[in-house]
Amino acid sequence: MESSTEAADSAAHTFSQVVFTDIPHTYPPSTSVTCCFNLTASFQPNSRDWVGVFKVGWSTTKDYHTFVWVEPCVDVEGQQSVTRQAVFKDYYLPKDENEFYQFCYVDNSGQVRGASTPFCFRNPVDMSLEIIPEDDLLVITTQVSNRENQELTRRLSQMEKLQSYPDDDLRVLIYFDSRDYL
């Protein structure tokens, strides 16, 4: 009888025979996706192997969203590692931007031989980095519209004015300012 440690080691070895590389955190929706993976020297691919897109949390290889057959390798014996790729057409890929997925390599006997890190299909947000050297501060901001920027500037100005008033005057100003939102 196999111990639980031996079973775990065996599963880890089987699961790491195919290693996915350079998987980004997000892919843009409605575009074809190419995933790259390495076949280790100990793994012999078969023409009936496939790579699937699975929602994170899957429990069986039947839970795939879509899959593509792996193209057969020629002359791979004796090589340490072979880099391959699978291309998924955009119209077969998930459309849900709120879910995470992963690629899984499934061999011809239905065994998972490798899985990627999770990713999602989401439009990239324009981000900018601003480094302020004197404070050693890194600020990451998302792009906002001009209208949003004007509104934020107006509110900041109001808050600065409120700080200069005595407490009694402040209550009256808050009352009048709240009418803007009614």
N, C-alpha and C. Protein backbone atom coordinates (compact mmCIF):
# COMPACT_ATOMS: atom_id res chain seq x y z
N MET A 1 0.84 -1.19 0.00
CA MET A 1 0.00 0.00 0.00
C MET A 1 0.88 1.24 0.00
N GLU A 2 0.51 2.22 -0.80
CA GLU A 2 1.29 3.44 -0.97
C GLU A 2 0.95 4.43 0.15
N SER A 3 1.98 5.02 0.76
CA SER A 3 1.73 5.99 1.82
C SER A 3 1.22 7.29 1.21
N SER A 4 0.63 8.16 2.04
CA SER A 4 0.10 9.43 1.54
C SER A 4 1.22 10.32 1.01
N THR A 5 2.42 10.23 1.59
CA THR A 5 3.57 11.01 1.12
C THR A 5 4.00 10.53 -0.26
N GLU A 6 4.06 9.21 -0.44
CA GLU A 6 4.42 8.67 -1.75
C GLU A 6 3.38 9.03 -2.80
N ALA A 7 2.12 8.99 -2.44
CA ALA A 7 1.05 9.36 -3.38
C ALA A 7 1.15 10.83 -3.77
N ALA A 8 1.44 11.68 -2.79
CA ALA A 8 1.58 13.12 -3.07
C ALA A 8 2.79 13.37 -3.97
N ASP A 9 3.90 12.70 -3.70
CA ASP A 9 5.09 12.86 -4.53
C ASP A 9 4.82 12.40 -5.95
N SER A 10 4.10 11.28 -6.10
CA SER A 10 3.76 10.76 -7.42
C SER A 10 2.86 11.74 -8.18
N ALA A 11 1.88 12.29 -7.49
CA ALA A 11 0.97 13.26 -8.13
C ALA A 11 1.72 14.52 -8.52
N ALA A 12 2.63 14.99 -7.67
CA ALA A 12 3.41 16.18 -7.98
C ALA A 12 4.29 15.94 -9.19
N HIS A 13 4.90 14.74 -9.26
CA HIS A 13 5.75 14.42 -10.40
C HIS A 13 4.93 14.38 -11.68
N THR A 14 3.78 13.74 -11.65
CA THR A 14 2.91 13.65 -12.82
C THR A 14 2.44 15.03 -13.25
N PHE A 15 2.07 15.86 -12.27
CA PHE A 15 1.52 17.18 -12.54
C PHE A 15 2.56 18.15 -13.07
N SER A 16 3.85 17.85 -12.87
CA SER A 16 4.89 18.78 -13.29
C SER A 16 5.65 18.31 -14.53
N GLN A 17 5.08 17.39 -15.27
CA GLN A 17 5.75 16.92 -16.48
C GLN A 17 5.59 17.90 -17.64
N VAL A 18 4.61 18.79 -17.52
CA VAL A 18 4.41 19.86 -18.50
C VAL A 18 4.37 21.16 -17.70
N VAL A 19 5.23 22.11 -18.06
CA VAL A 19 5.33 23.37 -17.33
C VAL A 19 4.95 24.52 -18.26
N PHE A 20 3.91 25.26 -17.88
CA PHE A 20 3.47 26.41 -18.66
C PHE A 20 4.37 27.61 -18.34
N THR A 21 4.73 28.36 -19.37
CA THR A 21 5.66 29.48 -19.20
C THR A 21 5.04 30.79 -19.71
N ASP A 22 5.49 31.87 -19.11
CA ASP A 22 5.12 33.24 -19.53
C ASP A 22 3.61 33.44 -19.62
N ILE A 23 2.88 33.00 -18.62
CA ILE A 23 1.43 33.18 -18.60
C ILE A 23 1.14 34.51 -17.91
N PRO A 24 0.56 35.47 -18.62
CA PRO A 24 0.27 36.77 -17.98
C PRO A 24 -0.91 36.64 -17.01
N HIS A 25 -1.09 37.67 -16.19
CA HIS A 25 -2.22 37.68 -15.25
C HIS A 25 -3.55 37.90 -15.97
N THR A 26 -3.50 38.64 -17.09
CA THR A 26 -4.72 38.89 -17.86
C THR A 26 -4.45 38.77 -19.35
N TYR A 27 -5.49 38.37 -20.05
CA TYR A 27 -5.51 38.37 -21.51
C TYR A 27 -6.64 39.30 -21.92
N PRO A 28 -6.44 40.08 -22.99
CA PRO A 28 -7.55 40.91 -23.45
C PRO A 28 -8.68 40.03 -23.99
N PRO A 29 -9.94 40.40 -23.71
CA PRO A 29 -11.05 39.61 -24.23
C PRO A 29 -11.17 39.74 -25.75
N SER A 30 -11.82 38.78 -26.35
CA SER A 30 -12.11 38.79 -27.79
C SER A 30 -10.86 38.81 -28.65
N THR A 31 -9.79 38.17 -28.18
CA THR A 31 -8.59 38.00 -29.00
C THR A 31 -8.11 36.56 -28.84
N SER A 32 -7.46 36.06 -29.87
CA SER A 32 -6.91 34.71 -29.79
C SER A 32 -5.78 34.70 -28.75
N VAL A 33 -5.58 33.54 -28.12
CA VAL A 33 -4.59 33.42 -27.05
C VAL A 33 -3.64 32.28 -27.39
N THR A 34 -2.35 32.54 -27.21
CA THR A 34 -1.33 31.52 -27.39
C THR A 34 -0.71 31.24 -26.03
N CYS A 35 -0.65 29.99 -25.65
CA CYS A 35 0.03 29.64 -24.40
C CYS A 35 1.23 28.75 -24.75
N CYS A 36 2.32 29.00 -24.05
CA CYS A 36 3.55 28.23 -24.26
C CYS A 36 3.76 27.29 -23.08
N PHE A 37 4.34 26.14 -23.37
CA PHE A 37 4.61 25.16 -22.32
C PHE A 37 5.81 24.32 -22.70
N ASN A 38 6.49 23.80 -21.68
CA ASN A 38 7.65 22.93 -21.87
C ASN A 38 7.28 21.51 -21.48
N LEU A 39 7.66 20.58 -22.34
CA LEU A 39 7.51 19.16 -22.04
C LEU A 39 8.84 18.70 -21.46
N THR A 40 8.83 18.14 -20.26
CA THR A 40 10.08 17.68 -19.66
C THR A 40 10.56 16.43 -20.39
N ALA A 41 11.84 16.11 -20.20
CA ALA A 41 12.44 14.98 -20.90
C ALA A 41 11.79 13.65 -20.53
N SER A 42 11.23 13.56 -19.32
CA SER A 42 10.63 12.30 -18.87
C SER A 42 9.23 12.07 -19.43
N PHE A 43 8.69 13.05 -20.14
CA PHE A 43 7.31 12.94 -20.63
C PHE A 43 7.30 12.67 -22.13
N GLN A 44 6.52 11.68 -22.54
CA GLN A 44 6.35 11.35 -23.95
C GLN A 44 4.96 11.79 -24.40
N PRO A 45 4.86 12.82 -25.25
CA PRO A 45 3.54 13.28 -25.70
C PRO A 45 2.90 12.28 -26.66
N ASN A 46 1.58 12.44 -26.80
CA ASN A 46 0.80 11.58 -27.67
C ASN A 46 -0.07 12.49 -28.55
N SER A 47 -0.43 12.03 -29.71
CA SER A 47 -1.26 12.84 -30.62
C SER A 47 -2.66 13.09 -30.08
N ARG A 48 -3.07 12.36 -29.04
CA ARG A 48 -4.39 12.55 -28.42
C ARG A 48 -4.32 13.39 -27.14
N ASP A 49 -3.17 14.01 -26.86
CA ASP A 49 -3.05 14.93 -25.72
C ASP A 49 -3.70 16.25 -26.10
N TRP A 50 -4.13 16.99 -25.10
CA TRP A 50 -4.78 18.27 -25.37
C TRP A 50 -4.51 19.27 -24.25
N VAL A 51 -4.67 20.55 -24.58
CA VAL A 51 -4.56 21.63 -23.59
C VAL A 51 -5.94 22.26 -23.49
N GLY A 52 -6.43 22.39 -22.27
CA GLY A 52 -7.75 22.96 -22.06
C GLY A 52 -7.70 24.23 -21.22
N VAL A 53 -8.75 25.02 -21.35
CA VAL A 53 -8.94 26.19 -20.49
C VAL A 53 -9.98 25.78 -19.46
N PHE A 54 -9.59 25.85 -18.18
CA PHE A 54 -10.45 25.44 -17.08
C PHE A 54 -10.70 26.61 -16.14
N LYS A 55 -11.93 26.73 -15.64
CA LYS A 55 -12.20 27.72 -14.60
C LYS A 55 -11.52 27.24 -13.32
N VAL A 56 -10.83 28.16 -12.62
CA VAL A 56 -10.15 27.79 -11.39
C VAL A 56 -11.16 27.18 -10.42
N GLY A 57 -10.77 26.06 -9.84
CA GLY A 57 -11.66 25.33 -8.95
C GLY A 57 -12.21 24.07 -9.60
N TRP A 58 -11.82 23.79 -10.82
CA TRP A 58 -12.30 22.60 -11.53
C TRP A 58 -11.98 21.36 -10.71
N SER A 59 -12.76 20.31 -10.92
CA SER A 59 -12.53 19.09 -10.15
C SER A 59 -12.31 17.86 -11.03
N THR A 60 -12.63 17.95 -12.29
CA THR A 60 -12.42 16.83 -13.20
C THR A 60 -12.04 17.38 -14.58
N THR A 61 -11.37 16.56 -15.38
CA THR A 61 -10.94 17.03 -16.70
C THR A 61 -12.13 17.26 -17.64
N LYS A 62 -13.30 16.87 -17.23
CA LYS A 62 -14.51 17.14 -18.02
C LYS A 62 -15.02 18.57 -17.80
N ASP A 63 -14.41 19.30 -16.86
CA ASP A 63 -14.84 20.66 -16.52
C ASP A 63 -14.21 21.73 -17.41
N TYR A 64 -13.61 21.34 -18.53
CA TYR A 64 -12.94 22.32 -19.39
C TYR A 64 -13.95 23.25 -20.05
N HIS A 65 -13.51 24.48 -20.35
CA HIS A 65 -14.35 25.42 -21.09
C HIS A 65 -14.15 25.20 -22.59
N THR A 66 -12.91 25.05 -23.00
CA THR A 66 -12.56 24.75 -24.39
C THR A 66 -11.22 24.04 -24.38
N PHE A 67 -10.86 23.42 -25.49
CA PHE A 67 -9.56 22.75 -25.58
C PHE A 67 -9.08 22.74 -27.02
N VAL A 68 -7.78 22.50 -27.18
CA VAL A 68 -7.18 22.29 -28.50
C VAL A 68 -6.28 21.07 -28.41
N TRP A 69 -6.20 20.33 -29.49
CA TRP A 69 -5.31 19.18 -29.53
C TRP A 69 -3.88 19.67 -29.61
N VAL A 70 -2.98 18.95 -28.97
CA VAL A 70 -1.56 19.29 -29.00
C VAL A 70 -0.98 18.76 -30.31
N GLU A 71 -0.24 19.60 -30.99
CA GLU A 71 0.38 19.15 -32.24
C GLU A 71 1.47 18.15 -31.92
N PRO A 72 1.56 17.08 -32.72
CA PRO A 72 2.56 16.05 -32.43
C PRO A 72 3.99 16.60 -32.53
N CYS A 73 4.86 16.09 -31.66
CA CYS A 73 6.27 16.48 -31.66
C CYS A 73 7.04 15.49 -32.53
N VAL A 74 7.99 16.00 -33.25
CA VAL A 74 8.85 15.12 -34.04
C VAL A 74 10.28 15.25 -33.52
N ASP A 75 10.97 14.14 -33.42
CA ASP A 75 12.38 14.11 -32.98
C ASP A 75 12.60 14.80 -31.65
N VAL A 76 11.87 14.40 -30.62
CA VAL A 76 12.06 15.00 -29.30
C VAL A 76 12.79 14.07 -28.33
N GLU A 77 13.04 12.83 -28.73
CA GLU A 77 13.72 11.90 -27.83
C GLU A 77 15.13 12.38 -27.54
N GLY A 78 15.51 12.29 -26.26
CA GLY A 78 16.85 12.67 -25.86
C GLY A 78 17.01 14.14 -25.51
N GLN A 79 16.03 14.96 -25.82
CA GLN A 79 16.11 16.38 -25.49
C GLN A 79 15.69 16.60 -24.05
N GLN A 80 16.35 17.53 -23.37
CA GLN A 80 16.03 17.82 -21.97
C GLN A 80 14.61 18.36 -21.83
N SER A 81 14.25 19.31 -22.67
CA SER A 81 12.94 19.96 -22.58
C SER A 81 12.55 20.45 -23.97
N VAL A 82 11.29 20.34 -24.28
CA VAL A 82 10.80 20.78 -25.58
C VAL A 82 9.74 21.86 -25.35
N THR A 83 9.89 23.01 -25.99
CA THR A 83 8.92 24.08 -25.85
C THR A 83 7.88 23.95 -26.95
N ARG A 84 6.61 24.00 -26.55
CA ARG A 84 5.50 23.88 -27.48
C ARG A 84 4.53 25.03 -27.22
N GLN A 85 3.52 25.15 -28.06
CA GLN A 85 2.49 26.15 -27.84
C GLN A 85 1.14 25.65 -28.32
N ALA A 86 0.10 26.24 -27.75
CA ALA A 86 -1.27 25.95 -28.15
C ALA A 86 -1.95 27.28 -28.42
N VAL A 87 -2.73 27.34 -29.49
CA VAL A 87 -3.42 28.57 -29.86
C VAL A 87 -4.92 28.35 -29.73
N PHE A 88 -5.56 29.26 -28.98
CA PHE A 88 -7.01 29.22 -28.77
C PHE A 88 -7.65 30.37 -29.54
N LYS A 89 -8.60 30.05 -30.40
CA LYS A 89 -9.32 31.08 -31.16
C LYS A 89 -10.22 31.88 -30.23
N ASP A 90 -10.33 33.15 -30.48
CA ASP A 90 -11.07 34.06 -29.59
C ASP A 90 -12.52 33.66 -29.38
N TYR A 91 -13.19 33.14 -30.40
CA TYR A 91 -14.62 32.85 -30.26
C TYR A 91 -14.90 31.63 -29.39
N TYR A 92 -13.88 30.84 -29.04
CA TYR A 92 -14.08 29.70 -28.14
C TYR A 92 -13.75 30.04 -26.68
N LEU A 93 -13.13 31.18 -26.46
CA LEU A 93 -12.66 31.53 -25.11
C LEU A 93 -13.78 32.10 -24.25
N PRO A 94 -13.66 31.99 -22.93
CA PRO A 94 -14.69 32.52 -22.02
C PRO A 94 -14.84 34.03 -22.18
N LYS A 95 -16.04 34.51 -21.93
CA LYS A 95 -16.33 35.94 -22.03
C LYS A 95 -16.47 36.61 -20.66
N ASP A 96 -16.47 35.82 -19.59
CA ASP A 96 -16.68 36.33 -18.25
C ASP A 96 -15.40 36.97 -17.72
N GLU A 97 -15.45 38.29 -17.47
CA GLU A 97 -14.27 39.01 -16.98
C GLU A 97 -14.08 38.87 -15.48
N ASN A 98 -15.02 38.27 -14.77
CA ASN A 98 -14.93 38.17 -13.31
C ASN A 98 -14.45 36.82 -12.82
N GLU A 99 -14.06 35.94 -13.72
CA GLU A 99 -13.62 34.59 -13.35
C GLU A 99 -12.13 34.42 -13.67
N PHE A 100 -11.50 33.50 -12.95
CA PHE A 100 -10.11 33.15 -13.22
C PHE A 100 -10.06 31.77 -13.84
N TYR A 101 -9.12 31.59 -14.75
CA TYR A 101 -8.97 30.36 -15.50
C TYR A 101 -7.52 29.90 -15.44
N GLN A 102 -7.28 28.69 -15.91
CA GLN A 102 -5.92 28.19 -16.05
C GLN A 102 -5.88 27.19 -17.19
N PHE A 103 -4.69 27.07 -17.80
CA PHE A 103 -4.47 26.07 -18.82
C PHE A 103 -4.07 24.77 -18.13
N CYS A 104 -4.55 23.66 -18.64
CA CYS A 104 -4.12 22.35 -18.15
C CYS A 104 -3.78 21.47 -19.34
N TYR A 105 -2.67 20.76 -19.22
CA TYR A 105 -2.26 19.80 -20.23
C TYR A 105 -2.79 18.44 -19.78
N VAL A 106 -3.60 17.82 -20.64
CA VAL A 106 -4.22 16.53 -20.31
C VAL A 106 -3.72 15.51 -21.33
N ASP A 107 -3.19 14.39 -20.83
CA ASP A 107 -2.67 13.38 -21.74
C ASP A 107 -3.78 12.48 -22.29
N ASN A 108 -3.42 11.57 -23.18
CA ASN A 108 -4.41 10.72 -23.85
C ASN A 108 -5.16 9.79 -22.91
N SER A 109 -4.64 9.58 -21.69
CA SER A 109 -5.35 8.73 -20.73
C SER A 109 -6.21 9.56 -19.76
N GLY A 110 -6.24 10.87 -19.96
CA GLY A 110 -7.08 11.73 -19.12
C GLY A 110 -6.38 12.24 -17.87
N GLN A 111 -5.06 12.04 -17.77
CA GLN A 111 -4.28 12.52 -16.62
C GLN A 111 -3.79 13.94 -16.86
N VAL A 112 -3.92 14.81 -15.86
CA VAL A 112 -3.39 16.16 -15.97
C VAL A 112 -1.89 16.09 -15.74
N ARG A 113 -1.14 16.58 -16.71
CA ARG A 113 0.33 16.53 -16.65
C ARG A 113 0.96 17.88 -16.32
N GLY A 114 0.15 18.93 -16.31
CA GLY A 114 0.65 20.26 -15.96
C GLY A 114 -0.49 21.26 -15.94
N ALA A 115 -0.33 22.31 -15.13
CA ALA A 115 -1.34 23.37 -15.03
C ALA A 115 -0.64 24.72 -14.91
N SER A 116 -1.23 25.73 -15.50
CA SER A 116 -0.65 27.08 -15.47
C SER A 116 -1.07 27.82 -14.22
N THR A 117 -0.48 28.96 -14.03
CA THR A 117 -0.94 29.88 -12.99
C THR A 117 -2.26 30.48 -13.47
N PRO A 118 -3.11 30.94 -12.56
CA PRO A 118 -4.41 31.51 -12.95
C PRO A 118 -4.27 32.82 -13.74
N PHE A 119 -5.25 33.06 -14.58
CA PHE A 119 -5.33 34.29 -15.37
C PHE A 119 -6.79 34.61 -15.59
N CYS A 120 -7.06 35.80 -16.10
CA CYS A 120 -8.44 36.18 -16.42
C CYS A 120 -8.47 36.88 -17.77
N PHE A 121 -9.65 37.06 -18.29
CA PHE A 121 -9.86 37.78 -19.54
C PHE A 121 -10.44 39.13 -19.17
N ARG A 122 -9.64 40.17 -19.29
CA ARG A 122 -10.07 41.49 -18.84
C ARG A 122 -9.37 42.55 -19.66
N ASN A 123 -10.09 43.64 -19.95
CA ASN A 123 -9.47 44.76 -20.64
C ASN A 123 -8.40 45.37 -19.75
N PRO A 124 -7.22 45.63 -20.31
CA PRO A 124 -6.18 46.22 -19.48
C PRO A 124 -6.55 47.66 -19.11
N VAL A 125 -6.28 48.03 -17.88
CA VAL A 125 -6.53 49.39 -17.41
C VAL A 125 -5.26 50.18 -17.63
N ASP A 126 -5.41 51.34 -18.22
CA ASP A 126 -4.24 52.18 -18.40
C ASP A 126 -3.75 52.63 -17.03
N MET A 127 -2.52 52.32 -16.75
CA MET A 127 -1.95 52.68 -15.45
C MET A 127 -0.69 53.48 -15.68
N SER A 128 -0.40 54.35 -14.75
CA SER A 128 0.84 55.10 -14.82
C SER A 128 1.55 54.96 -13.49
N LEU A 129 2.87 54.97 -13.54
CA LEU A 129 3.67 54.90 -12.33
C LEU A 129 4.32 56.25 -12.12
N GLU A 130 4.27 56.71 -10.91
CA GLU A 130 4.90 57.98 -10.57
C GLU A 130 5.77 57.73 -9.35
N ILE A 131 7.05 58.00 -9.49
CA ILE A 131 7.97 57.80 -8.37
C ILE A 131 8.41 59.16 -7.89
N ILE A 132 8.24 59.39 -6.59
CA ILE A 132 8.65 60.64 -5.98
C ILE A 132 9.90 60.34 -5.16
N PRO A 133 11.09 60.69 -5.70
CA PRO A 133 12.35 60.26 -5.08
C PRO A 133 12.54 60.72 -3.63
N GLU A 134 12.17 61.98 -3.30
CA GLU A 134 12.47 62.47 -1.96
C GLU A 134 11.71 61.72 -0.88
N ASP A 135 10.53 61.20 -1.19
CA ASP A 135 9.73 60.49 -0.20
C ASP A 135 9.84 58.97 -0.34
N ASP A 136 10.56 58.50 -1.36
CA ASP A 136 10.61 57.07 -1.66
C ASP A 136 9.21 56.48 -1.72
N LEU A 137 8.37 57.13 -2.50
CA LEU A 137 6.98 56.74 -2.60
C LEU A 137 6.67 56.33 -4.02
N LEU A 138 5.95 55.24 -4.19
CA LEU A 138 5.51 54.78 -5.49
C LEU A 138 4.00 54.94 -5.55
N VAL A 139 3.52 55.69 -6.54
CA VAL A 139 2.09 55.94 -6.69
C VAL A 139 1.63 55.30 -7.99
N ILE A 140 0.60 54.47 -7.90
CA ILE A 140 0.01 53.86 -9.09
C ILE A 140 -1.38 54.43 -9.23
N THR A 141 -1.64 55.03 -10.39
CA THR A 141 -2.94 55.64 -10.63
C THR A 141 -3.56 55.07 -11.89
N THR A 142 -4.86 55.00 -11.91
CA THR A 142 -5.55 54.62 -13.13
C THR A 142 -5.96 55.89 -13.84
N GLN A 143 -6.12 55.77 -15.12
CA GLN A 143 -6.48 56.93 -15.91
C GLN A 143 -7.94 57.30 -15.60
N VAL A 144 -8.18 58.59 -15.31
CA VAL A 144 -9.54 59.04 -15.04
C VAL A 144 -9.92 60.07 -16.09
N SER A 145 -11.20 60.23 -16.27
CA SER A 145 -11.67 61.19 -17.25
C SER A 145 -11.47 62.61 -16.74
N ASN A 146 -11.50 63.53 -17.62
CA ASN A 146 -11.33 64.94 -17.26
C ASN A 146 -12.44 65.38 -16.31
N ARG A 147 -13.65 64.93 -16.53
CA ARG A 147 -14.78 65.29 -15.68
C ARG A 147 -14.56 64.77 -14.25
N GLU A 148 -14.12 63.50 -14.14
CA GLU A 148 -13.85 62.94 -12.81
C GLU A 148 -12.75 63.72 -12.10
N ASN A 149 -11.73 64.09 -12.86
CA ASN A 149 -10.62 64.85 -12.29
C ASN A 149 -11.11 66.21 -11.78
N GLN A 150 -11.96 66.89 -12.55
CA GLN A 150 -12.50 68.18 -12.14
C GLN A 150 -13.35 68.03 -10.87
N GLU A 151 -14.16 66.97 -10.80
CA GLU A 151 -15.00 66.75 -9.63
C GLU A 151 -14.15 66.49 -8.39
N LEU A 152 -13.13 65.68 -8.53
CA LEU A 152 -12.24 65.42 -7.41
C LEU A 152 -11.52 66.68 -6.96
N THR A 153 -11.09 67.49 -7.89
CA THR A 153 -10.42 68.75 -7.56
C THR A 153 -11.37 69.69 -6.84
N ARG A 154 -12.63 69.76 -7.29
CA ARG A 154 -13.63 70.61 -6.64
C ARG A 154 -13.87 70.16 -5.19
N ARG A 155 -13.99 68.86 -4.98
CA ARG A 155 -14.22 68.35 -3.63
C ARG A 155 -13.03 68.60 -2.71
N LEU A 156 -11.83 68.44 -3.26
CA LEU A 156 -10.63 68.71 -2.48
C LEU A 156 -10.58 70.17 -2.06
N SER A 157 -10.93 71.05 -2.97
CA SER A 157 -10.96 72.48 -2.67
C SER A 157 -11.96 72.78 -1.56
N GLN A 158 -13.13 72.14 -1.63
CA GLN A 158 -14.15 72.34 -0.58
C GLN A 158 -13.64 71.85 0.77
N MET A 159 -12.97 70.72 0.78
CA MET A 159 -12.45 70.19 2.04
C MET A 159 -11.39 71.11 2.63
N GLU A 160 -10.55 71.68 1.78
CA GLU A 160 -9.53 72.61 2.26
C GLU A 160 -10.17 73.86 2.87
N LYS A 161 -11.25 74.35 2.25
CA LYS A 161 -11.96 75.51 2.79
C LYS A 161 -12.58 75.17 4.15
N LEU A 162 -13.15 73.97 4.27
CA LEU A 162 -13.80 73.57 5.52
C LEU A 162 -12.82 73.54 6.69
N GLN A 163 -11.57 73.19 6.41
CA GLN A 163 -10.59 73.13 7.47
C GLN A 163 -10.29 74.49 8.07
N SER A 164 -10.52 75.56 7.32
CA SER A 164 -10.21 76.90 7.81
C SER A 164 -11.35 77.53 8.62
N TYR A 165 -12.54 76.93 8.66
CA TYR A 165 -13.68 77.49 9.40
C TYR A 165 -13.73 76.97 10.83
N PRO A 166 -14.27 77.83 11.76
CA PRO A 166 -14.51 77.34 13.12
C PRO A 166 -15.62 76.28 13.08
N ASP A 167 -15.73 75.48 14.14
CA ASP A 167 -16.67 74.35 14.19
C ASP A 167 -18.11 74.75 13.93
N ASP A 168 -18.61 75.88 14.49
CA ASP A 168 -20.00 76.30 14.29
C ASP A 168 -20.28 76.59 12.82
N ASP A 169 -19.37 77.29 12.17
CA ASP A 169 -19.56 77.61 10.75
C ASP A 169 -19.49 76.35 9.89
N LEU A 170 -18.72 75.39 10.32
CA LEU A 170 -18.55 74.14 9.57
C LEU A 170 -19.88 73.39 9.44
N ARG A 171 -20.67 73.35 10.50
CA ARG A 171 -21.95 72.65 10.46
C ARG A 171 -22.89 73.29 9.43
N VAL A 172 -22.89 74.59 9.35
CA VAL A 172 -23.75 75.30 8.39
C VAL A 172 -23.27 75.00 6.97
N LEU A 173 -21.97 74.99 6.74
CA LEU A 173 -21.43 74.72 5.40
C LEU A 173 -21.74 73.29 4.96
N ILE A 174 -21.65 72.34 5.86
CA ILE A 174 -21.95 70.95 5.52
C ILE A 174 -23.42 70.82 5.14
N TYR A 175 -24.30 71.53 5.85
CA TYR A 175 -25.72 71.49 5.53
C TYR A 175 -25.95 72.00 4.12
N PHE A 176 -25.38 73.16 3.77
CA PHE A 176 -25.60 73.74 2.44
C PHE A 176 -24.95 72.88 1.35
N ASP A 177 -23.80 72.31 1.63
CA ASP A 177 -23.12 71.47 0.65
C ASP A 177 -23.92 70.19 0.39
N SER A 178 -24.58 69.65 1.40
CA SER A 178 -25.33 68.41 1.20
C SER A 178 -26.53 68.62 0.30
N ARG A 179 -27.01 69.85 0.14
CA ARG A 179 -28.13 70.10 -0.78
C ARG A 179 -27.73 69.84 -2.21
N ASP A 180 -26.43 69.90 -2.54
CA ASP A 180 -25.97 69.63 -3.92
C ASP A 180 -26.30 68.20 -4.33
N TYR A 181 -26.43 67.31 -3.38
CA TYR A 181 -26.62 65.90 -3.69
C TYR A 181 -28.07 65.44 -3.58
N LEU A 182 -28.97 66.37 -3.24
CA LEU A 182 -30.38 66.00 -3.11
C LEU A 182 -31.09 66.07 -4.43
